[in-house]
C-alpha atoms as a PDB file:
ATOM      1  CA  UNK A   1       0.000   0.000   0.000  1.00  0.00           C
ATOM      2  CA  UNK A   2       1.403   3.381  -1.005  1.00  0.00           C
ATOM      3  CA  UNK A   3       2.221   5.679   1.882  1.00  0.00           C
ATOM      4  CA  UNK A   4       3.608   9.160   2.162  1.00  0.00           C
ATOM      5  CA  UNK A   5       6.295  10.192   4.589  1.00  0.00           C
ATOM      6  CA  UNK A   6       8.261  13.347   5.302  1.00  0.00           C
ATOM      7  CA  UNK A   7      12.019  13.655   5.087  1.00  0.00           C
ATOM      8  CA  UNK A   8      13.797  16.757   6.340  1.00  0.00           C
ATOM      9  CA  UNK A   9      17.362  17.411   5.283  1.00  0.00           C
ATOM     10  CA  UNK A  10      18.631  19.296   8.314  1.00  0.00           C
ATOM     11  CA  UNK A  11      20.784  22.444   8.416  1.00  0.00           C
ATOM     12  CA  UNK A  12      24.140  20.676   8.820  1.00  0.00           C
ATOM     13  CA  UNK A  13      23.562  18.502   5.748  1.00  0.00           C
ATOM     14  CA  UNK A  14      22.379  21.552   3.781  1.00  0.00           C
ATOM     15  CA  UNK A  15      25.456  23.576   4.844  1.00  0.00           C
ATOM     16  CA  UNK A  16      27.757  20.692   3.935  1.00  0.00           C
ATOM     17  CA  UNK A  17      26.210  20.347   0.461  1.00  0.00           C
ATOM     18  CA  UNK A  18      24.721  16.872   0.936  1.00  0.00           C
ATOM     19  CA  UNK A  19      21.256  17.621  -0.511  1.00  0.00           C
ATOM     20  CA  UNK A  20      22.072  15.978  -3.850  1.00  0.00           C
ATOM     21  CA  UNK A  21      23.670  12.940  -2.215  1.00  0.00           C
ATOM     22  CA  UNK A  22      20.615  12.376  -0.013  1.00  0.00           C
ATOM     23  CA  UNK A  23      18.186  12.886  -2.900  1.00  0.00           C
ATOM     24  CA  UNK A  24      20.167  10.330  -4.924  1.00  0.00           C
ATOM     25  CA  UNK A  25      19.881   7.760  -2.113  1.00  0.00           C
ATOM     26  CA  UNK A  26      16.110   8.274  -2.048  1.00  0.00           C
ATOM     27  CA  UNK A  27      15.858   7.938  -5.838  1.00  0.00           C
ATOM     28  CA  UNK A  28      18.022   4.800  -5.819  1.00  0.00           C
ATOM     29  CA  UNK A  29      15.568   3.319  -3.311  1.00  0.00           C
ATOM     30  CA  UNK A  30      12.587   4.020  -5.599  1.00  0.00           C
ATOM     31  CA  UNK A  31      10.957   6.791  -3.581  1.00  0.00           C
ATOM     32  CA  UNK A  32       8.623   9.027  -5.592  1.00  0.00           C
ATOM     33  CA  UNK A  33       8.853  12.742  -4.755  1.00  0.00           C
ATOM     34  CA  UNK A  34       5.468  14.416  -4.271  1.00  0.00           C
ATOM     35  CA  UNK A  35       6.711  17.811  -3.066  1.00  0.00           C
ATOM     36  CA  UNK A  36       9.957  19.515  -2.149  1.00  0.00           C
ATOM     37  CA  UNK A  37      10.661  22.842  -0.526  1.00  0.00           C
ATOM     38  CA  UNK A  38      13.531  24.755   1.007  1.00  0.00           C
ATOM     39  CA  UNK A  39      12.715  26.862   4.048  1.00  0.00           C
ATOM     40  CA  UNK A  40      14.077  28.000   7.384  1.00  0.00           C
ATOM     41  CA  UNK A  41      12.464  27.056  10.669  1.00  0.00           C
ATOM     42  CA  UNK A  42      11.681  29.921  13.001  1.00  0.00           C
ATOM     43  CA  UNK A  43      11.206  29.289  16.714  1.00  0.00           C
ATOM     44  CA  UNK A  44       7.404  29.100  16.473  1.00  0.00           C
ATOM     45  CA  UNK A  45       7.440  26.547  13.652  1.00  0.00           C
ATOM     46  CA  UNK A  46      10.181  24.550  15.392  1.00  0.00           C
ATOM     47  CA  UNK A  47       8.214  24.436  18.650  1.00  0.00           C
ATOM     48  CA  UNK A  48       5.131  23.255  16.792  1.00  0.00           C
ATOM     49  CA  UNK A  49       6.985  20.625  14.748  1.00  0.00           C
ATOM     50  CA  UNK A  50       8.958  19.267  17.730  1.00  0.00           C
ATOM     51  CA  UNK A  51       6.184  19.727  20.327  1.00  0.00           C
ATOM     52  CA  UNK A  52       6.541  16.122  21.539  1.00  0.00           C
ATOM     53  CA  UNK A  53      10.073  16.938  22.762  1.00  0.00           C
ATOM     54  CA  UNK A  54       9.169  20.108  24.672  1.00  0.00           C
ATOM     55  CA  UNK A  55      10.475  19.952  28.226  1.00  0.00           C
ATOM     56  CA  UNK A  56      13.230  17.445  27.433  1.00  0.00           C
ATOM     57  CA  UNK A  57      16.845  18.361  28.155  1.00  0.00           C
ATOM     58  CA  UNK A  58      17.825  18.493  24.469  1.00  0.00           C
ATOM     59  CA  UNK A  59      14.857  20.595  23.292  1.00  0.00           C
ATOM     60  CA  UNK A  60      16.548  24.027  23.290  1.00  0.00           C
ATOM     61  CA  UNK A  61      19.664  22.695  21.538  1.00  0.00           C
ATOM     62  CA  UNK A  62      17.476  21.023  18.934  1.00  0.00           C
ATOM     63  CA  UNK A  63      15.548  24.245  18.286  1.00  0.00           C
ATOM     64  CA  UNK A  64      18.728  26.320  18.073  1.00  0.00           C
ATOM     65  CA  UNK A  65      20.174  23.868  15.582  1.00  0.00           C
ATOM     66  CA  UNK A  66      17.036  23.670  13.444  1.00  0.00           C
ATOM     67  CA  UNK A  67      16.691  27.470  13.143  1.00  0.00           C
ATOM     68  CA  UNK A  68      20.409  27.896  12.349  1.00  0.00           C
ATOM     69  CA  UNK A  69      20.127  27.473   8.574  1.00  0.00           C
ATOM     70  CA  UNK A  70      17.901  26.247   5.745  1.00  0.00           C
ATOM     71  CA  UNK A  71      16.135  22.886   5.769  1.00  0.00           C
ATOM     72  CA  UNK A  72      14.911  20.891   2.771  1.00  0.00           C
ATOM     73  CA  UNK A  73      11.557  19.128   3.171  1.00  0.00           C
ATOM     74  CA  UNK A  74      10.537  16.318   0.834  1.00  0.00           C
ATOM     75  CA  UNK A  75       7.267  14.416   0.764  1.00  0.00           C
ATOM     76  CA  UNK A  76       8.129  10.936  -0.465  1.00  0.00           C
ATOM     77  CA  UNK A  77       5.787   8.146  -1.497  1.00  0.00           C
ATOM     78  CA  UNK A  78       6.030   4.409  -2.088  1.00  0.00           C
ATOM     79  CA  UNK A  79       4.772   1.151  -0.647  1.00  0.00           C
ATOM     80  CA  UNK A  80       5.740   0.963   3.047  1.00  0.00           C
ATOM     81  CA  UNK A  81       7.364   4.413   2.811  1.00  0.00           C
ATOM     82  CA  UNK A  82       7.509   5.179   6.541  1.00  0.00           C
ATOM     83  CA  UNK A  83       9.348   2.011   7.550  1.00  0.00           C
ATOM     84  CA  UNK A  84      11.644   1.926   4.518  1.00  0.00           C
ATOM     85  CA  UNK A  85      12.618   5.564   4.942  1.00  0.00           C
ATOM     86  CA  UNK A  86      13.411   4.983   8.624  1.00  0.00           C
ATOM     87  CA  UNK A  87      15.678   2.074   7.651  1.00  0.00           C
ATOM     88  CA  UNK A  88      17.483   4.131   5.004  1.00  0.00           C
ATOM     89  CA  UNK A  89      18.164   7.085   7.301  1.00  0.00           C
ATOM     90  CA  UNK A  90      19.612   4.962  10.118  1.00  0.00           C
ATOM     91  CA  UNK A  91      19.588   5.272  13.885  1.00  0.00           C
ATOM     92  CA  UNK A  92      19.870   8.498  15.868  1.00  0.00           C
ATOM     93  CA  UNK A  93      22.510   6.842  18.068  1.00  0.00           C
ATOM     94  CA  UNK A  94      25.897   6.913  16.297  1.00  0.00           C
ATOM     95  CA  UNK A  95      26.835   3.575  17.908  1.00  0.00           C
ATOM     96  CA  UNK A  96      23.796   1.879  16.325  1.00  0.00           C
ATOM     97  CA  UNK A  97      24.025   3.302  12.799  1.00  0.00           C
ATOM     98  CA  UNK A  98      24.404   0.769  10.033  1.00  0.00           C
ATOM     99  CA  UNK A  99      27.034   1.545   7.374  1.00  0.00           C
ATOM    100  CA  UNK A 100      25.604   3.136   4.253  1.00  0.00           C
ATOM    101  CA  UNK A 101      22.631   4.760   5.973  1.00  0.00           C
ATOM    102  CA  UNK A 102      22.170   8.489   5.470  1.00  0.00           C
ATOM    103  CA  UNK A 103      23.058   9.252   9.079  1.00  0.00           C
ATOM    104  CA  UNK A 104      26.134   7.009   8.975  1.00  0.00           C
ATOM    105  CA  UNK A 105      27.288   8.941   5.913  1.00  0.00           C
ATOM    106  CA  UNK A 106      26.345  12.524   6.809  1.00  0.00           C
ATOM    107  CA  UNK A 107      25.451  12.945  10.510  1.00  0.00           C
ATOM    108  CA  UNK A 108      27.687  14.865  12.884  1.00  0.00           C
ATOM    109  CA  UNK A 109      26.333  13.529  16.168  1.00  0.00           C
ATOM    110  CA  UNK A 110      22.959  12.905  17.745  1.00  0.00           C
ATOM    111  CA  UNK A 111      21.322  16.320  17.223  1.00  0.00           C
ATOM    112  CA  UNK A 112      23.113  17.255  14.004  1.00  0.00           C
ATOM    113  CA  UNK A 113      22.089  13.938  12.472  1.00  0.00           C
ATOM    114  CA  UNK A 114      21.562  15.177   8.881  1.00  0.00           C
ATOM    115  CA  UNK A 115      17.917  14.105   8.436  1.00  0.00           C
ATOM    116  CA  UNK A 116      14.537  13.589  10.056  1.00  0.00           C
ATOM    117  CA  UNK A 117      11.946  11.074   8.892  1.00  0.00           C
ATOM    118  CA  UNK A 118       8.424  10.565  10.170  1.00  0.00           C
ATOM    119  CA  UNK A 119       8.191   7.628  12.567  1.00  0.00           C
ATOM    120  CA  UNK A 120       4.606   6.606  11.774  1.00  0.00           C
ATOM    121  CA  UNK A 121       1.821   7.278   9.289  1.00  0.00           C
ATOM    122  CA  UNK A 122       0.115   9.444  11.920  1.00  0.00           C
ATOM    123  CA  UNK A 123       3.300  11.482  12.403  1.00  0.00           C
ATOM    124  CA  UNK A 124       3.768  11.789   8.643  1.00  0.00           C
ATOM    125  CA  UNK A 125       0.280  13.247   8.206  1.00  0.00           C
ATOM    126  CA  UNK A 126       0.846  15.700  11.073  1.00  0.00           C
ATOM    127  CA  UNK A 127       4.353  16.723   9.962  1.00  0.00           C
ATOM    128  CA  UNK A 128       3.451  17.118   6.284  1.00  0.00           C
ATOM    129  CA  UNK A 129       0.535  19.291   7.373  1.00  0.00           C
ATOM    130  CA  UNK A 130       2.806  21.522   9.429  1.00  0.00           C
ATOM    131  CA  UNK A 131       5.612  21.904   6.879  1.00  0.00           C
ATOM    132  CA  UNK A 132       3.493  22.099   3.728  1.00  0.00           C
ATOM    133  CA  UNK A 133       0.578  24.035   5.286  1.00  0.00           C
ATOM    134  CA  UNK A 134      -1.947  21.332   4.464  1.00  0.00           C
ATOM    135  CA  UNK A 135      -5.066  20.555   6.454  1.00  0.00           C
ATOM    136  CA  UNK A 136      -4.540  17.622   8.809  1.00  0.00           C
ATOM    137  CA  UNK A 137      -7.239  15.397  10.243  1.00  0.00           C
END
């Protein structure tokens, strides 16, 4: 069953000119691109997008990082998109990253981990709605 998911290419990967490399990995894994945009998080958008992390010790560092430079957002689609995208990006924890995953290739730690991908269909719907200003149910 075709699903949509959201991938964010985070500020460190944008600054380090990895957009094309990451897009190529997605294309090589047969993801269809439904929408793409370049934007910069402001504090309000960052707080809304990362609301589930509010109050956690890393929240302020995450917000500061995400508003530091441009981000690329891509809506991708394919069968089992959420799970496959999560596998391709790799683990947040550097010790658990599999070689060849996007984070193994381009992350610079836990927070500056190059990309974000929705962790469920529900999250994908919510996150796509926030980033692409679409109505969410």
